[in-house]
C-alpha atoms as a PDB file:
ATOM      1  CA  MET A   1    -101.807 -48.067  42.447  1.00  0.00           C
ATOM      2  CA  SER A   2     -98.195 -46.954  42.214  1.00  0.00           C
ATOM      3  CA  TRP A   3     -96.243 -45.133  44.879  1.00  0.00           C
ATOM      4  CA  PRO A   4     -96.222 -41.361  44.634  1.00  0.00           C
ATOM      5  CA  VAL A   5     -93.092 -39.879  43.163  1.00  0.00           C
ATOM      6  CA  GLN A   6     -91.870 -37.201  45.525  1.00  0.00           C
ATOM      7  CA  PRO A   7     -88.687 -35.201  45.494  1.00  0.00           C
ATOM      8  CA  VAL A   8     -85.951 -36.451  47.772  1.00  0.00           C
ATOM      9  CA  SER A   9     -85.381 -34.100  50.688  1.00  0.00           C
ATOM     10  CA  PRO A  10     -81.802 -33.035  51.467  1.00  0.00           C
ATOM     11  CA  ALA A  11     -81.961 -35.065  54.704  1.00  0.00           C
ATOM     12  CA  LEU A  12     -83.046 -38.244  52.909  1.00  0.00           C
ATOM     13  CA  ARG A  13     -80.465 -37.649  50.177  1.00  0.00           C
ATOM     14  CA  ARG A  14     -77.801 -37.773  52.924  1.00  0.00           C
ATOM     15  CA  TRP A  15     -79.194 -41.189  53.977  1.00  0.00           C
ATOM     16  CA  LEU A  16     -79.119 -42.425  50.377  1.00  0.00           C
ATOM     17  CA  LYS A  17     -75.464 -41.404  50.023  1.00  0.00           C
ATOM     18  CA  ALA A  18     -74.251 -42.280  53.536  1.00  0.00           C
ATOM     19  CA  PRO A  19     -71.292 -44.672  53.561  1.00  0.00           C
ATOM     20  CA  GLY A  20     -70.944 -47.431  56.110  1.00  0.00           C
ATOM     21  CA  SER A  21     -73.654 -49.394  57.840  1.00  0.00           C
ATOM     22  CA  LEU A  22     -77.243 -48.216  57.496  1.00  0.00           C
ATOM     23  CA  THR A  23     -78.156 -50.358  60.508  1.00  0.00           C
ATOM     24  CA  ALA A  24     -75.561 -48.564  62.650  1.00  0.00           C
ATOM     25  CA  ARG A  25     -76.985 -45.183  61.588  1.00  0.00           C
ATOM     26  CA  LEU A  26     -80.490 -46.335  62.503  1.00  0.00           C
ATOM     27  CA  ARG A  27     -79.320 -47.709  65.863  1.00  0.00           C
ATOM     28  CA  ALA A  28     -78.042 -44.246  66.722  1.00  0.00           C
ATOM     29  CA  LEU A  29     -81.698 -43.126  66.564  1.00  0.00           C
ATOM     30  CA  GLY A  30     -83.403 -45.960  68.436  1.00  0.00           C
ATOM     31  CA  THR A  31     -84.048 -49.692  68.634  1.00  0.00           C
ATOM     32  CA  VAL A  32     -83.668 -51.616  65.376  1.00  0.00           C
ATOM     33  CA  HIS A  33     -85.472 -54.900  64.732  1.00  0.00           C
ATOM     34  CA  VAL A  34     -85.193 -57.020  61.581  1.00  0.00           C
ATOM     35  CA  GLU A  35     -88.277 -58.749  60.155  1.00  0.00           C
ATOM     36  CA  VAL A  36     -87.296 -61.454  57.664  1.00  0.00           C
ATOM     37  CA  MET A  37     -89.898 -61.484  54.914  1.00  0.00           C
ATOM     38  CA  SER A  38     -88.387 -64.108  52.622  1.00  0.00           C
ATOM     39  CA  GLN A  39     -85.172 -66.061  52.209  1.00  0.00           C
ATOM     40  CA  GLY A  40     -84.192 -68.777  49.780  1.00  0.00           C
ATOM     41  CA  THR A  41     -83.715 -69.563  46.106  1.00  0.00           C
ATOM     42  CA  ARG A  42     -85.743 -67.170  43.962  1.00  0.00           C
ATOM     43  CA  ARG A  43     -85.975 -65.919  40.411  1.00  0.00           C
ATOM     44  CA  LEU A  44     -83.780 -62.833  40.076  1.00  0.00           C
ATOM     45  CA  TRP A  45     -84.763 -59.373  38.890  1.00  0.00           C
ATOM     46  CA  PRO A  46     -83.177 -58.171  35.597  1.00  0.00           C
ATOM     47  CA  ALA A  47     -80.344 -56.135  37.185  1.00  0.00           C
ATOM     48  CA  GLU A  48     -79.543 -59.064  39.484  1.00  0.00           C
ATOM     49  CA  ARG A  49     -79.484 -61.506  36.561  1.00  0.00           C
ATOM     50  CA  ARG A  50     -77.022 -59.250  34.736  1.00  0.00           C
ATOM     51  CA  LEU A  51     -74.738 -59.041  37.781  1.00  0.00           C
ATOM     52  CA  LEU A  52     -74.801 -62.744  38.661  1.00  0.00           C
ATOM     53  CA  LYS A  53     -75.185 -64.016  35.075  1.00  0.00           C
ATOM     54  CA  GLN A  54     -77.899 -66.463  36.096  1.00  0.00           C
ATOM     55  CA  ALA A  55     -81.687 -66.589  36.345  1.00  0.00           C
ATOM     56  CA  SER A  56     -82.010 -67.554  40.015  1.00  0.00           C
ATOM     57  CA  GLY A  57     -80.027 -67.045  43.177  1.00  0.00           C
ATOM     58  CA  HIS A  58     -80.231 -66.764  46.941  1.00  0.00           C
ATOM     59  CA  VAL A  59     -82.495 -63.874  47.942  1.00  0.00           C
ATOM     60  CA  ARG A  60     -83.082 -62.425  51.417  1.00  0.00           C
ATOM     61  CA  GLU A  61     -85.735 -59.769  51.866  1.00  0.00           C
ATOM     62  CA  VAL A  62     -86.153 -57.969  55.192  1.00  0.00           C
ATOM     63  CA  ILE A  63     -87.732 -54.919  56.715  1.00  0.00           C
ATOM     64  CA  LEU A  64     -85.789 -52.886  59.257  1.00  0.00           C
ATOM     65  CA  CYS A  65     -87.996 -51.411  61.946  1.00  0.00           C
ATOM     66  CA  LEU A  66     -86.931 -48.452  64.049  1.00  0.00           C
ATOM     67  CA  ASP A  67     -88.684 -48.258  67.415  1.00  0.00           C
ATOM     68  CA  GLY A  68     -91.363 -50.587  66.066  1.00  0.00           C
ATOM     69  CA  GLN A  69     -92.041 -48.698  62.826  1.00  0.00           C
ATOM     70  CA  PRO A  70     -90.895 -50.052  59.425  1.00  0.00           C
ATOM     71  CA  VAL A  71     -88.377 -47.690  57.847  1.00  0.00           C
ATOM     72  CA  VAL A  72     -86.314 -49.720  55.342  1.00  0.00           C
ATOM     73  CA  TRP A  73     -87.137 -52.613  52.993  1.00  0.00           C
ATOM     74  CA  ALA A  74     -83.945 -54.404  51.945  1.00  0.00           C
ATOM     75  CA  ARG A  75     -83.132 -57.152  49.454  1.00  0.00           C
ATOM     76  CA  SER A  76     -79.813 -58.964  49.242  1.00  0.00           C
ATOM     77  CA  VAL A  77     -78.946 -61.350  46.426  1.00  0.00           C
ATOM     78  CA  THR A  78     -76.056 -63.670  45.671  1.00  0.00           C
ATOM     79  CA  SER A  79     -75.409 -66.797  43.644  1.00  0.00           C
ATOM     80  CA  GLN A  80     -75.874 -70.324  44.960  1.00  0.00           C
ATOM     81  CA  ARG A  81     -72.141 -70.842  44.384  1.00  0.00           C
ATOM     82  CA  ALA A  82     -71.298 -67.863  46.627  1.00  0.00           C
ATOM     83  CA  LEU A  83     -73.760 -69.116  49.229  1.00  0.00           C
ATOM     84  CA  LYS A  84     -71.726 -72.321  49.486  1.00  0.00           C
ATOM     85  CA  GLY A  85     -68.511 -70.302  49.705  1.00  0.00           C
ATOM     86  CA  PRO A  86     -67.706 -66.860  51.073  1.00  0.00           C
ATOM     87  CA  TRP A  87     -71.321 -65.770  51.621  1.00  0.00           C
ATOM     88  CA  LYS A  88     -72.458 -68.959  53.417  1.00  0.00           C
ATOM     89  CA  ALA A  89     -73.082 -67.020  56.661  1.00  0.00           C
ATOM     90  CA  LEU A  90     -76.144 -65.463  54.988  1.00  0.00           C
ATOM     91  CA  LYS A  91     -78.091 -68.658  55.607  1.00  0.00           C
ATOM     92  CA  GLY A  92     -77.653 -68.396  59.371  1.00  0.00           C
ATOM     93  CA  LEU A  93     -78.392 -64.687  59.902  1.00  0.00           C
ATOM     94  CA  GLY A  94     -82.012 -65.157  60.909  1.00  0.00           C
ATOM     95  CA  SER A  95     -83.313 -61.850  62.277  1.00  0.00           C
ATOM     96  CA  ARG A  96     -79.834 -60.390  62.722  1.00  0.00           C
ATOM     97  CA  PRO A  97     -78.941 -57.494  60.412  1.00  0.00           C
ATOM     98  CA  LEU A  98     -76.849 -58.232  57.331  1.00  0.00           C
ATOM     99  CA  ALA A  99     -74.571 -55.391  58.449  1.00  0.00           C
ATOM    100  CA  GLU A 100     -73.136 -57.700  61.101  1.00  0.00           C
ATOM    101  CA  LEU A 101     -71.683 -59.789  58.293  1.00  0.00           C
ATOM    102  CA  LEU A 102     -70.787 -57.024  55.842  1.00  0.00           C
ATOM    103  CA  PHE A 103     -69.009 -54.614  58.149  1.00  0.00           C
ATOM    104  CA  SER A 104     -67.267 -57.033  60.496  1.00  0.00           C
ATOM    105  CA  HIS A 105     -65.123 -58.893  57.957  1.00  0.00           C
ATOM    106  CA  ALA A 106     -61.945 -57.187  56.757  1.00  0.00           C
ATOM    107  CA  ARG A 107     -61.999 -58.956  53.373  1.00  0.00           C
ATOM    108  CA  VAL A 108     -65.458 -57.734  52.367  1.00  0.00           C
ATOM    109  CA  ARG A 109     -65.256 -54.776  49.970  1.00  0.00           C
ATOM    110  CA  ARG A 110     -68.113 -52.514  48.998  1.00  0.00           C
ATOM    111  CA  GLY A 111     -68.569 -51.242  45.465  1.00  0.00           C
ATOM    112  CA  ARG A 112     -69.996 -47.865  44.573  1.00  0.00           C
ATOM    113  CA  LEU A 113     -73.211 -46.821  46.334  1.00  0.00           C
ATOM    114  CA  THR A 114     -75.865 -45.694  43.832  1.00  0.00           C
ATOM    115  CA  GLN A 115     -79.465 -44.575  43.894  1.00  0.00           C
ATOM    116  CA  HIS A 116     -81.981 -47.056  42.540  1.00  0.00           C
ATOM    117  CA  ALA A 117     -84.895 -45.965  40.367  1.00  0.00           C
ATOM    118  CA  TRP A 118     -88.029 -48.015  40.983  1.00  0.00           C
ATOM    119  CA  ARG A 119     -89.943 -48.862  37.836  1.00  0.00           C
ATOM    120  CA  ARG A 120     -93.472 -47.554  38.377  1.00  0.00           C
ATOM    121  CA  ALA A 121     -95.918 -50.383  39.080  1.00  0.00           C
ATOM    122  CA  GLY A 122     -93.222 -52.958  38.330  1.00  0.00           C
ATOM    123  CA  PRO A 123     -92.957 -56.344  40.024  1.00  0.00           C
ATOM    124  CA  GLU A 124     -90.174 -55.117  42.321  1.00  0.00           C
ATOM    125  CA  GLN A 125     -92.367 -52.315  43.603  1.00  0.00           C
ATOM    126  CA  ALA A 126     -95.305 -54.675  44.111  1.00  0.00           C
ATOM    127  CA  ARG A 127     -93.134 -57.103  46.082  1.00  0.00           C
ATOM    128  CA  ALA A 128     -91.797 -54.435  48.425  1.00  0.00           C
ATOM    129  CA  ARG A 129     -95.234 -52.889  48.891  1.00  0.00           C
ATOM    130  CA  ARG A 130     -96.752 -56.268  49.836  1.00  0.00           C
ATOM    131  CA  ASP A 131     -94.036 -56.928  52.407  1.00  0.00           C
ATOM    132  CA  TRP A 132     -94.332 -53.404  53.729  1.00  0.00           C
ATOM    133  CA  HIS A 133     -98.030 -53.794  54.455  1.00  0.00           C
ATOM    134  CA  ARG A 134     -97.428 -57.151  56.176  1.00  0.00           C
ATOM    135  CA  VAL A 135     -95.169 -55.432  58.725  1.00  0.00           C
ATOM    136  CA  ASP A 136     -96.789 -52.004  59.101  1.00  0.00           C
ATOM    137  CA  ARG A 137     -99.157 -52.770  61.983  1.00  0.00           C
ATOM    138  CA  ARG A 138    -100.763 -49.364  62.209  1.00  0.00           C
ATOM    139  CA  PRO A 139    -104.435 -48.936  61.278  1.00  0.00           C
ATOM    140  CA  PRO A 140    -104.986 -48.850  57.498  1.00  0.00           C
ATOM    141  CA  SER A 141    -105.770 -45.128  57.571  1.00  0.00           C
ATOM    142  CA  ALA A 142    -102.388 -44.378  59.204  1.00  0.00           C
ATOM    143  CA  SER A 143    -100.376 -46.558  56.835  1.00  0.00           C
ATOM    144  CA  ALA A 144    -102.254 -45.857  53.587  1.00  0.00           C
ATOM    145  CA  GLY A 145     -99.858 -45.232  50.744  1.00  0.00           C
ATOM    146  CA  ARG A 146     -96.825 -46.057  52.878  1.00  0.00           C
ATOM    147  CA  ALA A 147     -94.246 -48.166  51.189  1.00  0.00           C
ATOM    148  CA  PRO A 148     -90.586 -47.755  50.319  1.00  0.00           C
ATOM    149  CA  GLY A 149     -90.161 -44.797  48.028  1.00  0.00           C
ATOM    150  CA  TRP A 150     -86.444 -44.235  47.525  1.00  0.00           C
ATOM    151  CA  ALA A 151     -83.663 -46.793  47.296  1.00  0.00           C
ATOM    152  CA  ARG A 152     -79.922 -47.175  47.182  1.00  0.00           C
ATOM    153  CA  GLN A 153     -77.877 -50.160  46.092  1.00  0.00           C
ATOM    154  CA  SER A 154     -74.350 -51.444  46.174  1.00  0.00           C
ATOM    155  CA  VAL A 155     -72.456 -54.637  45.545  1.00  0.00           C
ATOM    156  CA  PHE A 156     -70.264 -56.162  48.224  1.00  0.00           C
ATOM    157  CA  TRP A 157     -67.421 -58.445  47.134  1.00  0.00           C
ATOM    158  CA  HIS A 158     -65.944 -61.309  49.145  1.00  0.00           C
ATOM    159  CA  HIS A 159     -63.283 -63.534  47.568  1.00  0.00           C
ATOM    160  CA  GLY A 160     -64.329 -62.229  44.153  1.00  0.00           C
ATOM    161  CA  LEU A 161     -68.019 -63.154  44.516  1.00  0.00           C
ATOM    162  CA  PRO A 162     -70.758 -60.489  44.624  1.00  0.00           C
ATOM    163  CA  LEU A 163     -73.610 -59.827  47.017  1.00  0.00           C
ATOM    164  CA  ARG A 164     -75.997 -57.123  45.788  1.00  0.00           C
ATOM    165  CA  VAL A 165     -77.810 -55.154  48.481  1.00  0.00           C
ATOM    166  CA  MET A 166     -80.714 -52.788  47.848  1.00  0.00           C
ATOM    167  CA  GLU A 167     -82.128 -50.675  50.675  1.00  0.00           C
ATOM    168  CA  SER A 168     -85.369 -48.810  50.092  1.00  0.00           C
ATOM    169  CA  PHE A 169     -86.608 -46.110  52.425  1.00  0.00           C
ATOM    170  CA  SER A 170     -90.098 -45.460  53.741  1.00  0.00           C
ATOM    171  CA  PRO A 171     -91.800 -42.219  52.746  1.00  0.00           C
ATOM    172  CA  GLY A 172     -91.878 -41.614  56.499  1.00  0.00           C
ATOM    173  CA  MET A 173     -88.097 -41.277  56.456  1.00  0.00           C
ATOM    174  CA  ARG A 174     -88.529 -38.059  54.507  1.00  0.00           C
ATOM    175  CA  ARG A 175     -90.706 -36.551  57.211  1.00  0.00           C
ATOM    176  CA  ARG A 176     -88.829 -38.044  60.127  1.00  0.00           C
ATOM    177  CA  PHE A 177     -85.363 -36.916  59.067  1.00  0.00           C
ATOM    178  CA  THR A 178     -86.077 -33.597  57.385  1.00  0.00           C
ATOM    179  CA  PRO A 179     -84.168 -30.855  59.206  1.00  0.00           C
END
């Protein structure tokens, strides 16, 4: 089963295009908790392979929860070389948000923020959906069909080495933040 394709509400579109720290924006609405789903050396997705010019890299996948409810599935990817250099702090983040690293260092630069199109029923979608259901602790009837539906991505640069970050929003974000 693939996620339903729904139009992006104006409110969610503002979230997709919002500059700065997504975590800071969420904290303005309530308590944010990070659930680390996976971290380590993994096979990269096609867009990541093109960026890093390698087949595997360091991958960190998390879900951001707002007041106990999952709202964002995020994936960050960098090369093993960068992990030994300017992005080495990634290894020690634990359940702290990546934003603490990205937005606190003056030498980190963010590339253009773009929307990400999920490939229907692709492996990326399946991965996010699986993680989503591991964290969404509501009864199955309340969480049925809930998984990230819209995403944004950008590349952060530190000493010339990239870190790609994708943030995918829950369908509940559309309802929760519609004016």
